[in-house]
Amino acid sequence: YYWIFNSPVKIGILSLELTAGQYQTALLSRHIGYKINLIEDPKEAVAFVKQPHIQAARKELREDEYGAERYVLLDERSGSLEAVKKQILKLIKKYSCKMVVIDPVNDLFEGATYEDQTDFIKFLKQIIKDGVSVFNVCHVTKGKTQVDKDGNVMMRQLTEDDFSGVSNLVKSGGCNIAATRDKLAEDETEQNSTDIEVLKCRWSGNTGYA
């Protein structure tokens, strides 16, 4: 969301889990500060989105002050590696995107052979050499809850081993960032706060809590 308004280059988003429409709704919800999916009646949801101030917010989200699109959003429901490659190249060559967000990349590697995974990583490395940045969103494994000596629930500290099903991609990453949130915390602020930790950063070597 921050990049949409502040990136010096156009962003291409490739959604593998949500349809483009669902992803756009999530982005718009973030922009207006209200989760549109909470509206259960489809007709009410449509009426809500059609309100002039929501339409104005949608335009602000999608376009800059000159009318140029801030980002391009595609989905790829088949999730095959070859289909995803084509969509990534479309974002780069057709829409001139210089940053590509793959969300989530885990869906790609599920059931793929090690050779196919390695070939896809080589593909990503090649487009990086051509000046495109790639940001892979990864799910993490849901480990057992940890407790301290007094029985209090503790947030489990993530490691690179916790990135689900993408170990060779994590090894190839220039920067690996872990984001965690304690959804069961009693304090509302803590429950809705995300902790960021840099696990690896090749260009600076700086790691740790951010």
Protein backbone atom coordinates (compact mmCIF):
# COMPACT_ATOMS: atom_id res chain seq x y z
CA TYR A 1 0.00 0.00 0.00
CA TYR A 2 2.86 2.38 0.85
CA TRP A 3 4.66 1.55 -2.39
CA ILE A 4 1.55 2.29 -4.47
CA PHE A 5 1.79 5.95 -3.46
CA ASN A 6 5.55 6.30 -3.01
CA SER A 7 7.36 3.98 -5.41
CA PRO A 8 9.38 5.79 -8.11
CA VAL A 9 8.50 2.95 -10.51
CA LYS A 10 5.21 1.34 -11.55
CA ILE A 11 4.22 -1.70 -9.52
CA GLY A 12 2.86 -4.90 -11.01
CA ILE A 13 0.90 -7.17 -8.67
CA LEU A 14 0.38 -10.82 -9.57
CA SER A 15 -2.25 -12.40 -7.33
CA LEU A 16 -2.20 -16.19 -7.14
CA GLU A 17 -4.66 -16.64 -4.28
CA LEU A 18 -7.33 -13.96 -4.80
CA THR A 19 -8.93 -12.94 -8.06
CA ALA A 20 -7.96 -9.48 -9.31
CA GLY A 21 -11.37 -8.21 -8.18
CA GLN A 22 -10.97 -9.61 -4.67
CA TYR A 23 -7.45 -8.19 -4.41
CA GLN A 24 -8.62 -4.77 -5.62
CA THR A 25 -11.40 -4.84 -3.00
CA ALA A 26 -8.83 -5.58 -0.30
CA LEU A 27 -6.66 -2.66 -1.46
CA LEU A 28 -9.65 -0.31 -1.59
CA SER A 29 -10.68 -1.43 1.91
CA ARG A 30 -7.21 -0.55 3.15
CA HIS A 31 -7.39 2.84 1.41
CA ILE A 32 -10.76 3.87 2.88
CA GLY A 33 -10.12 2.30 6.30
CA TYR A 34 -13.14 0.00 6.19
CA LYS A 35 -13.28 -3.71 5.30
CA ILE A 36 -15.79 -3.92 2.44
CA ASN A 37 -16.07 -7.72 2.80
CA LEU A 38 -17.79 -7.19 6.18
CA ILE A 39 -20.90 -6.13 4.24
CA GLU A 40 -22.75 -9.45 3.95
CA ASP A 41 -25.50 -8.44 1.50
CA PRO A 42 -23.99 -8.27 -2.03
CA LYS A 43 -26.44 -5.54 -3.09
CA GLU A 44 -25.49 -3.43 -0.09
CA ALA A 45 -21.81 -3.94 -0.87
CA VAL A 46 -22.29 -2.78 -4.47
CA ALA A 47 -24.31 0.24 -3.29
CA PHE A 48 -21.59 1.08 -0.77
CA VAL A 49 -18.84 0.98 -3.40
CA LYS A 50 -20.89 3.06 -5.85
CA GLN A 51 -21.09 5.99 -3.43
CA PRO A 52 -19.39 9.09 -4.94
CA HIS A 53 -16.81 9.44 -2.16
CA ILE A 54 -15.86 5.75 -2.42
CA GLN A 55 -15.55 6.05 -6.20
CA ALA A 56 -13.34 9.11 -5.68
CA ALA A 57 -11.19 7.11 -3.24
CA ARG A 58 -10.95 4.27 -5.76
CA LYS A 59 -9.77 6.71 -8.45
CA GLU A 60 -7.21 8.16 -6.04
CA LEU A 61 -5.95 4.66 -5.29
CA ARG A 62 -5.74 3.63 -8.95
CA GLU A 63 -4.44 6.82 -10.59
CA ASP A 64 -1.94 9.56 -9.80
CA GLU A 65 -2.66 13.28 -10.17
CA TYR A 66 -1.86 13.06 -13.91
CA GLY A 67 -4.30 10.20 -14.55
CA ALA A 68 -1.56 7.57 -14.96
CA GLU A 69 -2.22 4.20 -13.32
CA ARG A 70 -0.24 3.68 -10.11
CA TYR A 71 -0.14 -0.11 -10.42
CA VAL A 72 -1.23 -3.01 -12.60
CA LEU A 73 -3.08 -5.94 -11.05
CA LEU A 74 -3.27 -9.36 -12.72
CA ASP A 75 -4.28 -12.74 -11.37
CA GLU A 76 -3.26 -16.23 -12.41
CA ARG A 77 -5.63 -18.83 -11.02
CA SER A 78 -4.00 -21.88 -12.65
CA GLY A 79 -0.81 -21.16 -10.73
CA SER A 80 1.41 -23.10 -13.15
CA LEU A 81 4.98 -21.85 -13.37
CA GLU A 82 4.84 -21.31 -17.13
CA ALA A 83 1.57 -19.36 -16.93
CA VAL A 84 3.01 -17.19 -14.16
CA LYS A 85 6.14 -16.48 -16.20
CA LYS A 86 3.93 -15.19 -19.02
CA GLN A 87 1.99 -12.95 -16.65
CA ILE A 88 5.20 -11.57 -15.13
CA LEU A 89 6.58 -10.81 -18.59
CA LYS A 90 3.27 -9.13 -19.48
CA LEU A 91 3.60 -6.87 -16.41
CA ILE A 92 7.15 -5.96 -17.43
CA LYS A 93 6.93 -5.70 -21.21
CA LYS A 94 3.33 -4.60 -21.81
CA TYR A 95 2.73 -2.47 -18.73
CA SER A 96 6.33 -1.28 -18.03
CA CYS A 97 6.31 -2.41 -14.40
CA LYS A 98 9.70 -2.23 -12.69
CA MET A 99 8.59 -3.85 -9.44
CA VAL A 100 6.68 -7.13 -9.44
CA VAL A 101 4.87 -8.41 -6.34
CA ILE A 102 3.98 -12.13 -6.37
CA ASP A 103 1.35 -12.87 -3.72
CA PRO A 104 1.72 -15.55 -2.42
CA VAL A 105 4.65 -17.28 -4.08
CA ASN A 106 4.06 -20.47 -2.06
CA ASP A 107 1.17 -21.46 -4.33
CA LEU A 108 3.59 -21.65 -7.25
CA PHE A 109 5.93 -24.21 -5.76
CA GLU A 110 3.29 -26.54 -4.40
CA GLY A 111 3.67 -29.82 -6.30
CA ALA A 112 6.44 -28.46 -8.56
CA THR A 113 9.61 -30.51 -8.99
CA TYR A 114 12.88 -29.20 -7.59
CA GLU A 115 14.14 -28.75 -11.16
CA ASP A 116 11.09 -26.64 -12.10
CA GLN A 117 11.54 -24.52 -8.96
CA THR A 118 15.22 -23.98 -9.78
CA ASP A 119 14.34 -23.02 -13.36
CA PHE A 120 11.78 -20.49 -12.12
CA ILE A 121 14.31 -18.92 -9.73
CA LYS A 122 16.75 -18.60 -12.65
CA PHE A 123 13.96 -16.82 -14.55
CA LEU A 124 13.48 -14.38 -11.65
CA LYS A 125 17.22 -13.75 -11.42
CA GLN A 126 17.32 -12.90 -15.10
CA ILE A 127 14.57 -10.29 -14.89
CA ILE A 128 16.31 -8.82 -11.83
CA LYS A 129 19.44 -8.42 -13.96
CA ASP A 130 17.24 -6.50 -16.42
CA GLY A 131 16.46 -3.93 -13.70
CA VAL A 132 13.19 -5.28 -12.28
CA SER A 133 12.71 -5.80 -8.54
CA VAL A 134 10.75 -8.85 -7.38
CA PHE A 135 8.96 -8.98 -4.04
CA ASN A 136 7.73 -12.46 -3.09
CA VAL A 137 5.03 -12.69 -0.43
CA CYS A 138 5.37 -16.00 1.45
CA HIS A 139 3.15 -17.75 3.96
CA VAL A 140 4.95 -19.21 6.97
CA THR A 141 4.44 -22.51 8.75
CA LYS A 142 2.03 -22.43 11.68
CA GLY A 143 4.19 -23.74 14.52
CA LYS A 144 3.13 -24.69 18.01
CA THR A 145 2.42 -21.84 20.42
CA GLN A 146 5.25 -21.21 22.89
CA VAL A 147 4.74 -20.36 26.56
CA ASP A 148 7.11 -18.90 29.14
CA LYS A 149 7.87 -20.38 32.57
CA ASP A 150 4.76 -18.70 34.00
CA GLY A 151 2.49 -20.18 31.32
CA ASN A 152 2.07 -16.96 29.36
CA VAL A 153 1.72 -17.30 25.58
CA MET A 154 4.82 -16.09 23.71
CA MET A 155 5.14 -15.00 20.09
CA ARG A 156 7.25 -17.55 18.23
CA GLN A 157 10.29 -15.91 16.62
CA LEU A 158 10.40 -16.75 12.92
CA THR A 159 13.46 -18.02 11.11
CA GLU A 160 14.14 -18.59 7.42
CA ASP A 161 13.17 -22.24 7.97
CA ASP A 162 9.58 -21.11 8.64
CA PHE A 163 8.92 -19.89 5.08
CA SER A 164 6.54 -22.55 3.82
CA GLY A 165 7.65 -24.67 0.84
CA VAL A 166 10.07 -22.14 -0.68
CA SER A 167 13.41 -22.98 0.94
CA ASN A 168 15.48 -22.61 -2.25
CA LEU A 169 13.78 -19.28 -3.03
CA VAL A 170 14.59 -18.03 0.48
CA LYS A 171 18.23 -19.03 -0.02
CA SER A 172 18.31 -17.02 -3.27
CA GLY A 173 16.58 -13.96 -1.82
CA GLY A 174 18.53 -10.71 -1.55
CA CYS A 175 16.50 -9.71 1.49
CA ASN A 176 14.21 -11.86 3.65
CA ILE A 177 11.77 -10.08 5.94
CA ALA A 178 9.50 -11.72 8.54
CA ALA A 179 6.23 -10.08 9.61
CA THR A 180 4.40 -11.39 12.68
CA ARG A 181 1.25 -10.39 14.56
CA ASP A 182 -0.18 -11.74 17.80
CA LYS A 183 -3.81 -12.21 16.76
CA LEU A 184 -4.70 -13.66 20.19
CA ALA A 185 -3.29 -10.79 22.26
CA GLU A 186 -5.74 -9.33 24.78
CA ASP A 187 -4.58 -5.77 24.11
CA GLU A 188 -6.26 -4.45 20.93
CA THR A 189 -3.28 -2.34 19.88
CA GLU A 190 -0.91 -5.27 20.30
CA GLN A 191 -3.36 -7.54 18.45
CA ASN A 192 -3.33 -5.17 15.46
CA SER A 193 0.39 -4.41 15.42
CA THR A 194 2.84 -6.14 13.10
CA ASP A 195 6.43 -6.78 14.12
CA ILE A 196 9.02 -6.66 11.34
CA GLU A 197 12.33 -8.50 11.45
CA VAL A 198 14.99 -8.54 8.74
CA LEU A 199 16.42 -12.06 8.59
CA LYS A 200 18.83 -11.41 5.72
CA CYS A 201 19.92 -8.35 3.76
CA ARG A 202 22.72 -8.91 1.28
CA TRP A 203 23.41 -5.30 0.31
CA SER A 204 23.89 -3.93 3.84
CA GLY A 205 24.32 -6.97 6.07
CA ASN A 206 22.03 -5.32 8.65
CA THR A 207 19.57 -7.75 10.24
CA GLY A 208 17.29 -7.90 13.25
CA TYR A 209 14.20 -6.13 14.55
CA ALA A 210 13.14 -3.23 12.34
